[in-house]
Amino acid sequence: MKVLDLCSGLGGFSSAFINDPSWEVMRIENNPLLESVPHTEIICIFEFRDNLADMIARGYCPTSPDLLLASPPCTEFSMGYASARSIASREGTLDDYNPDMSILNCVMDIKNMLKPRFWIIENVVGSRRYFEPITGELKQKNGAFCFFGKFPSFYPEGDIKKKSTNDKWSSHPLRSNYRALIPHNISTAIKKAIESQTTLFDYV
């Protein structure tokens, strides 16, 4: 089975799939500081999409992944006090605030080309206003993590917390990646839900 992890960062979203030989994982990330993360290809997501579209136009039929994961950067959707979205809200100009949706639209382009059986896009609570017209309504929320897409419900065990802003990574060049890291128990729960669903399909 195959999983494609877009905007993969430190790989938390697909971490549960890596050590299972029945899964093949491909991670797409544009930050060269993350090239040592296993199964990561350093390439701009827009370039990846355009290459895929070109291959399809030339007659290549890519294998559909069983699962597509994506966790676009959340900076423009954050509701943190100093964020652009929060500033616009306090100033009464939220209706005029237009975050850059190009990465999300790119993810949806890739999804539409590859037609995965399941797809999950993760972001922060503040993204709902902007994501839902494109992805459809929020499907599931666990802690501060919001999930949009087509997937079976999953039930993580244990605590679900994002890293604090006052941790040891506060001056680290990958600070935003560590803060956005999706916990392993979420990835494990997703894997379990997908595999259970696949087992059901096997008997249909």
Foldseek 3Di string as FASTA:
>chain_A
DEEEEECQQLNQLQVVVVPDPVYDYAYEHQDPVNPPRPNYDHDPLLVVLVVLVVCVVVPDQDAAGQEYEYEPQAQQQDCPCPGPCVVCVVVVNNVVDDDDCVVVVSSVSVCVRRVHNWYKYKYFPSCQVPCCVPQNHFDDDDVRITIGIGADDFDFDDDWDFDDCPDPCVPPPSSSSSRPRGHNSNSVRRVVRSVVVVVVVVVD
